[in-house]
Amino acid sequence: MVAVIPRWDHRLKDPESVAFTILDVLADFESEGKLKNLPKSKKFPVKTILAILLFKQYYNLPLRDAQHYGRKFFGANIHYSTLHNWE
C-alpha cells in the first residue's frame, strides 16, 4: 500500500526527499508486482529510469537537467536522449 503525503508536507519542497519518496513508491510497486510488464532496458534498471522521469515531471525540468539530477540523486548517468526515448 502506498502512503499519500499531504501537499503541505515540507518533504515535498526538498528535491532529495522527493527523490527518495519516488524510489520508495517504486519499490512498493515492484513488491506488488506492478512493474513486471514494463519493457526492459539493456544498461539501466527500469526503476531508475522511471524515477528520473517522475522527478523530471514533478519539477517540470528539461531533459538535460533531469540527466544531471539523475546523476546526483539516483546515481545513474543516463543520457538525455535515452530519457527522451522512454518518455
PDB file of N, CA and C in Angstrom:
ATOM      1  N   MET A   1       0.840  -1.170   0.000  1.00  0.00           N
ATOM      2  CA  MET A   1       0.000   0.000   0.000  1.00  0.00           C
ATOM      3  C   MET A   1       0.892   1.242   0.000  1.00  0.00           C
ATOM      4  N   VAL A   2       0.569   2.191  -0.813  1.00  0.00           N
ATOM      5  CA  VAL A   2       1.352   3.410  -0.955  1.00  0.00           C
ATOM      6  C   VAL A   2       0.777   4.474  -0.036  1.00  0.00           C
ATOM      7  N   ALA A   3       1.656   5.092   0.750  1.00  0.00           N
ATOM      8  CA  ALA A   3       1.221   6.167   1.638  1.00  0.00           C
ATOM      9  C   ALA A   3       1.144   7.477   0.858  1.00  0.00           C
ATOM     10  N   VAL A   4       0.103   8.238   1.117  1.00  0.00           N
ATOM     11  CA  VAL A   4      -0.082   9.526   0.453  1.00  0.00           C
ATOM     12  C   VAL A   4       0.500  10.609   1.354  1.00  0.00           C
ATOM     13  N   ILE A   5       1.320  11.476   0.769  1.00  0.00           N
ATOM     14  CA  ILE A   5       1.912  12.577   1.518  1.00  0.00           C
ATOM     15  C   ILE A   5       1.066  13.819   1.269  1.00  0.00           C
ATOM     16  N   PRO A   6       0.626  14.505   2.324  1.00  0.00           N
ATOM     17  CA  PRO A   6      -0.155  15.733   2.127  1.00  0.00           C
ATOM     18  C   PRO A   6       0.653  16.782   1.372  1.00  0.00           C
ATOM     19  N   ARG A   7      -0.007  17.590   0.586  1.00  0.00           N
ATOM     20  CA  ARG A   7       0.696  18.543  -0.266  1.00  0.00           C
ATOM     21  C   ARG A   7       1.394  19.638   0.525  1.00  0.00           C
ATOM     22  N   TRP A   8       1.025  19.857   1.794  1.00  0.00           N
ATOM     23  CA  TRP A   8       1.671  20.883   2.607  1.00  0.00           C
ATOM     24  C   TRP A   8       2.876  20.338   3.371  1.00  0.00           C
ATOM     25  N   ASP A   9       3.187  19.075   3.197  1.00  0.00           N
ATOM     26  CA  ASP A   9       4.323  18.472   3.886  1.00  0.00           C
ATOM     27  C   ASP A   9       5.627  19.082   3.377  1.00  0.00           C
ATOM     28  N   HIS A  10       6.532  19.387   4.299  1.00  0.00           N
ATOM     29  CA  HIS A  10       7.796  20.036   3.933  1.00  0.00           C
ATOM     30  C   HIS A  10       8.699  19.145   3.090  1.00  0.00           C
ATOM     31  N   ARG A  11       8.504  17.829   3.138  1.00  0.00           N
ATOM     32  CA  ARG A  11       9.352  16.928   2.346  1.00  0.00           C
ATOM     33  C   ARG A  11       9.160  17.107   0.849  1.00  0.00           C
ATOM     34  N   LEU A  12       8.040  17.653   0.445  1.00  0.00           N
ATOM     35  CA  LEU A  12       7.787  17.846  -0.980  1.00  0.00           C
ATOM     36  C   LEU A  12       8.511  19.058  -1.540  1.00  0.00           C
ATOM     37  N   LYS A  13       9.094  19.867  -0.678  1.00  0.00           N
ATOM     38  CA  LYS A  13       9.863  21.030  -1.129  1.00  0.00           C
ATOM     39  C   LYS A  13      11.339  20.699  -1.335  1.00  0.00           C
ATOM     40  N   ASP A  14      11.818  19.659  -0.693  1.00  0.00           N
ATOM     41  CA  ASP A  14      13.227  19.277  -0.756  1.00  0.00           C
ATOM     42  C   ASP A  14      13.429  18.251  -1.874  1.00  0.00           C
ATOM     43  N   PRO A  15      14.256  18.568  -2.883  1.00  0.00           N
ATOM     44  CA  PRO A  15      14.435  17.630  -4.008  1.00  0.00           C
ATOM     45  C   PRO A  15      14.963  16.261  -3.588  1.00  0.00           C
ATOM     46  N   GLU A  16      15.842  16.221  -2.599  1.00  0.00           N
ATOM     47  CA  GLU A  16      16.387  14.936  -2.166  1.00  0.00           C
ATOM     48  C   GLU A  16      15.302  14.068  -1.522  1.00  0.00           C
ATOM     49  N   SER A  17      14.438  14.684  -0.733  1.00  0.00           N
ATOM     50  CA  SER A  17      13.332  13.938  -0.124  1.00  0.00           C
ATOM     51  C   SER A  17      12.353  13.441  -1.179  1.00  0.00           C
ATOM     52  N   VAL A  18      12.108  14.264  -2.189  1.00  0.00           N
ATOM     53  CA  VAL A  18      11.220  13.851  -3.282  1.00  0.00           C
ATOM     54  C   VAL A  18      11.816  12.652  -4.016  1.00  0.00           C
ATOM     55  N   ALA A  19      13.129  12.686  -4.248  1.00  0.00           N
ATOM     56  CA  ALA A  19      13.793  11.577  -4.943  1.00  0.00           C
ATOM     57  C   ALA A  19      13.654  10.279  -4.150  1.00  0.00           C
ATOM     58  N   PHE A  20      13.880  10.334  -2.840  1.00  0.00           N
ATOM     59  CA  PHE A  20      13.767   9.125  -2.031  1.00  0.00           C
ATOM     60  C   PHE A  20      12.319   8.658  -1.906  1.00  0.00           C
ATOM     61  N   THR A  21      11.381   9.593  -1.902  1.00  0.00           N
ATOM     62  CA  THR A  21       9.968   9.216  -1.872  1.00  0.00           C
ATOM     63  C   THR A  21       9.571   8.501  -3.158  1.00  0.00           C
ATOM     64  N   ILE A  22      10.064   8.994  -4.295  1.00  0.00           N
ATOM     65  CA  ILE A  22       9.791   8.339  -5.578  1.00  0.00           C
ATOM     66  C   ILE A  22      10.347   6.922  -5.574  1.00  0.00           C
ATOM     67  N   LEU A  23      11.570   6.748  -5.063  1.00  0.00           N
ATOM     68  CA  LEU A  23      12.159   5.408  -5.002  1.00  0.00           C
ATOM     69  C   LEU A  23      11.361   4.490  -4.078  1.00  0.00           C
ATOM     70  N   ASP A  24      10.854   5.019  -2.968  1.00  0.00           N
ATOM     71  CA  ASP A  24      10.034   4.210  -2.061  1.00  0.00           C
ATOM     72  C   ASP A  24       8.737   3.764  -2.728  1.00  0.00           C
ATOM     73  N   VAL A  25       8.102   4.676  -3.442  1.00  0.00           N
ATOM     74  CA  VAL A  25       6.850   4.337  -4.127  1.00  0.00           C
ATOM     75  C   VAL A  25       7.102   3.282  -5.203  1.00  0.00           C
ATOM     76  N   LEU A  26       8.188   3.436  -5.967  1.00  0.00           N
ATOM     77  CA  LEU A  26       8.508   2.442  -7.000  1.00  0.00           C
ATOM     78  C   LEU A  26       8.872   1.099  -6.382  1.00  0.00           C
ATOM     79  N   ALA A  27       9.516   1.100  -5.219  1.00  0.00           N
ATOM     80  CA  ALA A  27       9.821  -0.158  -4.533  1.00  0.00           C
ATOM     81  C   ALA A  27       8.531  -0.850  -4.091  1.00  0.00           C
ATOM     82  N   ASP A  28       7.544  -0.058  -3.637  1.00  0.00           N
ATOM     83  CA  ASP A  28       6.247  -0.640  -3.278  1.00  0.00           C
ATOM     84  C   ASP A  28       5.561  -1.248  -4.500  1.00  0.00           C
ATOM     85  N   PHE A  29       5.601  -0.535  -5.623  1.00  0.00           N
ATOM     86  CA  PHE A  29       5.013  -1.069  -6.852  1.00  0.00           C
ATOM     87  C   PHE A  29       5.721  -2.347  -7.287  1.00  0.00           C
ATOM     88  N   GLU A  30       7.040  -2.369  -7.141  1.00  0.00           N
ATOM     89  CA  GLU A  30       7.811  -3.542  -7.534  1.00  0.00           C
ATOM     90  C   GLU A  30       7.468  -4.732  -6.642  1.00  0.00           C
ATOM     91  N   SER A  31       7.299  -4.486  -5.344  1.00  0.00           N
ATOM     92  CA  SER A  31       6.965  -5.583  -4.435  1.00  0.00           C
ATOM     93  C   SER A  31       5.553  -6.120  -4.686  1.00  0.00           C
ATOM     94  N   GLU A  32       4.671  -5.266  -5.188  1.00  0.00           N
ATOM     95  CA  GLU A  32       3.312  -5.707  -5.517  1.00  0.00           C
ATOM     96  C   GLU A  32       3.240  -6.352  -6.897  1.00  0.00           C
ATOM     97  N   GLY A  33       4.330  -6.326  -7.649  1.00  0.00           N
ATOM     98  CA  GLY A  33       4.362  -6.954  -8.963  1.00  0.00           C
ATOM     99  C   GLY A  33       3.787  -6.112 -10.077  1.00  0.00           C
ATOM    100  N   LYS A  34       3.680  -4.808  -9.870  1.00  0.00           N
ATOM    101  CA  LYS A  34       3.073  -3.945 -10.883  1.00  0.00           C
ATOM    102  C   LYS A  34       4.071  -3.446 -11.924  1.00  0.00           C
ATOM    103  N   LEU A  35       5.351  -3.721 -11.749  1.00  0.00           N
ATOM    104  CA  LEU A  35       6.352  -3.276 -12.720  1.00  0.00           C
ATOM    105  C   LEU A  35       6.829  -4.415 -13.616  1.00  0.00           C
ATOM    106  N   LYS A  36       6.128  -5.541 -13.613  1.00  0.00           N
ATOM    107  CA  LYS A  36       6.574  -6.704 -14.379  1.00  0.00           C
ATOM    108  C   LYS A  36       6.406  -6.537 -15.883  1.00  0.00           C
ATOM    109  N   ASN A  37       5.375  -5.854 -16.324  1.00  0.00           N
ATOM    110  CA  ASN A  37       5.050  -5.790 -17.748  1.00  0.00           C
ATOM    111  C   ASN A  37       5.712  -4.629 -18.472  1.00  0.00           C
ATOM    112  N   LEU A  38       6.671  -3.981 -17.845  1.00  0.00           N
ATOM    113  CA  LEU A  38       7.360  -2.865 -18.492  1.00  0.00           C
ATOM    114  C   LEU A  38       8.436  -3.382 -19.439  1.00  0.00           C
ATOM    115  N   PRO A  39       8.759  -2.612 -20.469  1.00  0.00           N
ATOM    116  CA  PRO A  39       9.857  -3.024 -21.348  1.00  0.00           C
ATOM    117  C   PRO A  39      11.176  -3.031 -20.594  1.00  0.00           C
ATOM    118  N   LYS A  40      12.128  -3.783 -21.074  1.00  0.00           N
ATOM    119  CA  LYS A  40      13.425  -3.920 -20.416  1.00  0.00           C
ATOM    120  C   LYS A  40      14.428  -2.942 -21.014  1.00  0.00           C
ATOM    121  N   SER A  41      15.362  -2.525 -20.191  1.00  0.00           N
ATOM    122  CA  SER A  41      16.466  -1.685 -20.630  1.00  0.00           C
ATOM    123  C   SER A  41      17.743  -2.513 -20.562  1.00  0.00           C
ATOM    124  N   LYS A  42      18.622  -2.331 -21.539  1.00  0.00           N
ATOM    125  CA  LYS A  42      19.849  -3.122 -21.577  1.00  0.00           C
ATOM    126  C   LYS A  42      20.883  -2.643 -20.559  1.00  0.00           C
ATOM    127  N   LYS A  43      20.959  -1.328 -20.341  1.00  0.00           N
ATOM    128  CA  LYS A  43      22.016  -0.784 -19.495  1.00  0.00           C
ATOM    129  C   LYS A  43      21.576  -0.420 -18.087  1.00  0.00           C
ATOM    130  N   PHE A  44      20.374   0.107 -17.937  1.00  0.00           N
ATOM    131  CA  PHE A  44      19.948   0.673 -16.664  1.00  0.00           C
ATOM    132  C   PHE A  44      18.682  -0.016 -16.172  1.00  0.00           C
ATOM    133  N   PRO A  45      18.511  -0.088 -14.852  1.00  0.00           N
ATOM    134  CA  PRO A  45      17.255  -0.635 -14.331  1.00  0.00           C
ATOM    135  C   PRO A  45      16.075   0.262 -14.709  1.00  0.00           C
ATOM    136  N   VAL A  46      14.978  -0.346 -15.058  1.00  0.00           N
ATOM    137  CA  VAL A  46      13.787   0.401 -15.460  1.00  0.00           C
ATOM    138  C   VAL A  46      13.302   1.267 -14.298  1.00  0.00           C
ATOM    139  N   LYS A  47      13.454   0.772 -13.088  1.00  0.00           N
ATOM    140  CA  LYS A  47      13.038   1.525 -11.907  1.00  0.00           C
ATOM    141  C   LYS A  47      13.777   2.864 -11.816  1.00  0.00           C
ATOM    142  N   THR A  48      15.054   2.890 -12.147  1.00  0.00           N
ATOM    143  CA  THR A  48      15.834   4.125 -12.098  1.00  0.00           C
ATOM    144  C   THR A  48      15.389   5.091 -13.187  1.00  0.00           C
ATOM    145  N   ILE A  49      15.139   4.576 -14.383  1.00  0.00           N
ATOM    146  CA  ILE A  49      14.680   5.433 -15.481  1.00  0.00           C
ATOM    147  C   ILE A  49      13.325   6.047 -15.126  1.00  0.00           C
ATOM    148  N   LEU A  50      12.421   5.245 -14.591  1.00  0.00           N
ATOM    149  CA  LEU A  50      11.112   5.763 -14.193  1.00  0.00           C
ATOM    150  C   LEU A  50      11.237   6.804 -13.083  1.00  0.00           C
ATOM    151  N   ALA A  51      12.137   6.569 -12.139  1.00  0.00           N
ATOM    152  CA  ALA A  51      12.321   7.522 -11.041  1.00  0.00           C
ATOM    153  C   ALA A  51      12.808   8.867 -11.564  1.00  0.00           C
ATOM    154  N   ILE A  52      13.750   8.849 -12.500  1.00  0.00           N
ATOM    155  CA  ILE A  52      14.262  10.104 -13.060  1.00  0.00           C
ATOM    156  C   ILE A  52      13.173  10.819 -13.844  1.00  0.00           C
ATOM    157  N   LEU A  53      12.385  10.084 -14.609  1.00  0.00           N
ATOM    158  CA  LEU A  53      11.312  10.714 -15.384  1.00  0.00           C
ATOM    159  C   LEU A  53      10.209  11.271 -14.476  1.00  0.00           C
ATOM    160  N   LEU A  54       9.903  10.581 -13.389  1.00  0.00           N
ATOM    161  CA  LEU A  54       8.924  11.111 -12.438  1.00  0.00           C
ATOM    162  C   LEU A  54       9.447  12.374 -11.761  1.00  0.00           C
ATOM    163  N   PHE A  55      10.729  12.374 -11.417  1.00  0.00           N
ATOM    164  CA  PHE A  55      11.354  13.559 -10.819  1.00  0.00           C
ATOM    165  C   PHE A  55      11.311  14.727 -11.800  1.00  0.00           C
ATOM    166  N   LYS A  56      11.585  14.421 -13.065  1.00  0.00           N
ATOM    167  CA  LYS A  56      11.549  15.453 -14.111  1.00  0.00           C
ATOM    168  C   LYS A  56      10.151  16.049 -14.229  1.00  0.00           C
ATOM    169  N   GLN A  57       9.139  15.215 -14.232  1.00  0.00           N
ATOM    170  CA  GLN A  57       7.773  15.703 -14.362  1.00  0.00           C
ATOM    171  C   GLN A  57       7.321  16.467 -13.119  1.00  0.00           C
ATOM    172  N   TYR A  58       7.759  16.021 -11.950  1.00  0.00           N
ATOM    173  CA  TYR A  58       7.355  16.684 -10.709  1.00  0.00           C
ATOM    174  C   TYR A  58       7.865  18.120 -10.664  1.00  0.00           C
ATOM    175  N   TYR A  59       9.107  18.321 -11.090  1.00  0.00           N
ATOM    176  CA  TYR A  59       9.702  19.655 -11.063  1.00  0.00           C
ATOM    177  C   TYR A  59       9.634  20.373 -12.409  1.00  0.00           C
ATOM    178  N   ASN A  60       9.025  19.762 -13.416  1.00  0.00           N
ATOM    179  CA  ASN A  60       8.877  20.355 -14.747  1.00  0.00           C
ATOM    180  C   ASN A  60      10.239  20.783 -15.309  1.00  0.00           C
ATOM    181  N   LEU A  61      11.160  19.833 -15.357  1.00  0.00           N
ATOM    182  CA  LEU A  61      12.535  20.089 -15.780  1.00  0.00           C
ATOM    183  C   LEU A  61      12.745  19.708 -17.236  1.00  0.00           C
ATOM    184  N   PRO A  62      13.727  20.346 -17.902  1.00  0.00           N
ATOM    185  CA  PRO A  62      14.136  19.853 -19.220  1.00  0.00           C
ATOM    186  C   PRO A  62      14.942  18.556 -19.069  1.00  0.00           C
ATOM    187  N   LEU A  63      15.129  17.866 -20.175  1.00  0.00           N
ATOM    188  CA  LEU A  63      15.796  16.562 -20.135  1.00  0.00           C
ATOM    189  C   LEU A  63      17.243  16.646 -19.651  1.00  0.00           C
ATOM    190  N   ARG A  64      17.956  17.688 -20.022  1.00  0.00           N
ATOM    191  CA  ARG A  64      19.352  17.803 -19.583  1.00  0.00           C
ATOM    192  C   ARG A  64      19.453  18.004 -18.075  1.00  0.00           C
ATOM    193  N   ASP A  65      18.516  18.741 -17.502  1.00  0.00           N
ATOM    194  CA  ASP A  65      18.501  18.881 -16.045  1.00  0.00           C
ATOM    195  C   ASP A  65      18.120  17.563 -15.383  1.00  0.00           C
ATOM    196  N   ALA A  66      17.219  16.832 -15.992  1.00  0.00           N
ATOM    197  CA  ALA A  66      16.848  15.521 -15.459  1.00  0.00           C
ATOM    198  C   ALA A  66      18.053  14.584 -15.479  1.00  0.00           C
ATOM    199  N   GLN A  67      18.877  14.688 -16.516  1.00  0.00           N
ATOM    200  CA  GLN A  67      20.099  13.886 -16.584  1.00  0.00           C
ATOM    201  C   GLN A  67      21.023  14.244 -15.419  1.00  0.00           C
ATOM    202  N   HIS A  68      21.161  15.533 -15.128  1.00  0.00           N
ATOM    203  CA  HIS A  68      22.017  15.982 -14.027  1.00  0.00           C
ATOM    204  C   HIS A  68      21.497  15.470 -12.679  1.00  0.00           C
ATOM    205  N   TYR A  69      20.193  15.629 -12.432  1.00  0.00           N
ATOM    206  CA  TYR A  69      19.634  15.173 -11.164  1.00  0.00           C
ATOM    207  C   TYR A  69      19.626  13.651 -11.073  1.00  0.00           C
ATOM    208  N   GLY A  70      19.577  12.981 -12.200  1.00  0.00           N
ATOM    209  CA  GLY A  70      19.695  11.526 -12.189  1.00  0.00           C
ATOM    210  C   GLY A  70      21.050  11.086 -11.671  1.00  0.00           C
ATOM    211  N   ARG A  71      22.093  11.807 -12.076  1.00  0.00           N
ATOM    212  CA  ARG A  71      23.435  11.524 -11.550  1.00  0.00           C
ATOM    213  C   ARG A  71      23.515  11.861 -10.067  1.00  0.00           C
ATOM    214  N   LYS A  72      22.937  12.985  -9.692  1.00  0.00           N
ATOM    215  CA  LYS A  72      23.072  13.492  -8.324  1.00  0.00           C
ATOM    216  C   LYS A  72      22.283  12.666  -7.307  1.00  0.00           C
ATOM    217  N   PHE A  73      21.018  12.367  -7.595  1.00  0.00           N
ATOM    218  CA  PHE A  73      20.155  11.724  -6.611  1.00  0.00           C
ATOM    219  C   PHE A  73      19.988  10.224  -6.805  1.00  0.00           C
ATOM    220  N   PHE A  74      20.062   9.760  -8.050  1.00  0.00           N
ATOM    221  CA  PHE A  74      19.781   8.355  -8.310  1.00  0.00           C
ATOM    222  C   PHE A  74      21.024   7.554  -8.678  1.00  0.00           C
ATOM    223  N   GLY A  75      22.163   8.222  -8.823  1.00  0.00           N
ATOM    224  CA  GLY A  75      23.418   7.532  -9.088  1.00  0.00           C
ATOM    225  C   GLY A  75      23.492   6.870 -10.445  1.00  0.00           C
ATOM    226  N   ALA A  76      22.777   7.390 -11.424  1.00  0.00           N
ATOM    227  CA  ALA A  76      22.780   6.801 -12.762  1.00  0.00           C
ATOM    228  C   ALA A  76      23.001   7.898 -13.790  1.00  0.00           C
ATOM    229  N   ASN A  77      24.023   7.741 -14.597  1.00  0.00           N
ATOM    230  CA  ASN A  77      24.320   8.713 -15.646  1.00  0.00           C
ATOM    231  C   ASN A  77      23.617   8.272 -16.932  1.00  0.00           C
ATOM    232  N   ILE A  78      22.339   8.553 -17.005  1.00  0.00           N
ATOM    233  CA  ILE A  78      21.530   8.170 -18.161  1.00  0.00           C
ATOM    234  C   ILE A  78      21.446   9.369 -19.089  1.00  0.00           C
ATOM    235  N   HIS A  79      21.862   9.190 -20.328  1.00  0.00           N
ATOM    236  CA  HIS A  79      21.892  10.281 -21.297  1.00  0.00           C
ATOM    237  C   HIS A  79      20.477  10.790 -21.550  1.00  0.00           C
ATOM    238  N   TYR A  80      20.378  12.081 -21.828  1.00  0.00           N
ATOM    239  CA  TYR A  80      19.054  12.684 -22.005  1.00  0.00           C
ATOM    240  C   TYR A  80      18.312  12.110 -23.209  1.00  0.00           C
ATOM    241  N   SER A  81      19.041  11.624 -24.222  1.00  0.00           N
ATOM    242  CA  SER A  81      18.349  11.029 -25.373  1.00  0.00           C
ATOM    243  C   SER A  81      17.678   9.702 -24.985  1.00  0.00           C
ATOM    244  N   THR A  82      18.296   8.962 -24.074  1.00  0.00           N
ATOM    245  CA  THR A  82      17.676   7.735 -23.571  1.00  0.00           C
ATOM    246  C   THR A  82      16.417   8.068 -22.775  1.00  0.00           C
ATOM    247  N   LEU A  83      16.498   9.118 -21.969  1.00  0.00           N
ATOM    248  CA  LEU A  83      15.317   9.545 -21.215  1.00  0.00           C
ATOM    249  C   LEU A  83      14.205   9.979 -22.163  1.00  0.00           C
ATOM    250  N   HIS A  84      14.593  10.645 -23.245  1.00  0.00           N
ATOM    251  CA  HIS A  84      13.599  11.079 -24.230  1.00  0.00           C
ATOM    252  C   HIS A  84      12.905   9.875 -24.870  1.00  0.00           C
ATOM    253  N   ASN A  85      13.660   8.825 -25.160  1.00  0.00           N
ATOM    254  CA  ASN A  85      13.059   7.624 -25.751  1.00  0.00           C
ATOM    255  C   ASN A  85      12.079   6.954 -24.796  1.00  0.00           C
ATOM    256  N   TRP A  86      12.318   7.058 -23.491  1.00  0.00           N
ATOM    257  CA  TRP A  86      11.446   6.425 -22.503  1.00  0.00           C
ATOM    258  C   TRP A  86      10.255   7.293 -22.138  1.00  0.00           C
ATOM    259  N   GLU A  87      10.262   8.570 -22.520  1.00  0.00           N
ATOM    260  CA  GLU A  87       9.142   9.452 -22.173  1.00  0.00           C
ATOM    261  C   GLU A  87       7.862   9.036 -22.856  1.00  0.00           C
TER     262      GLU A  87
END
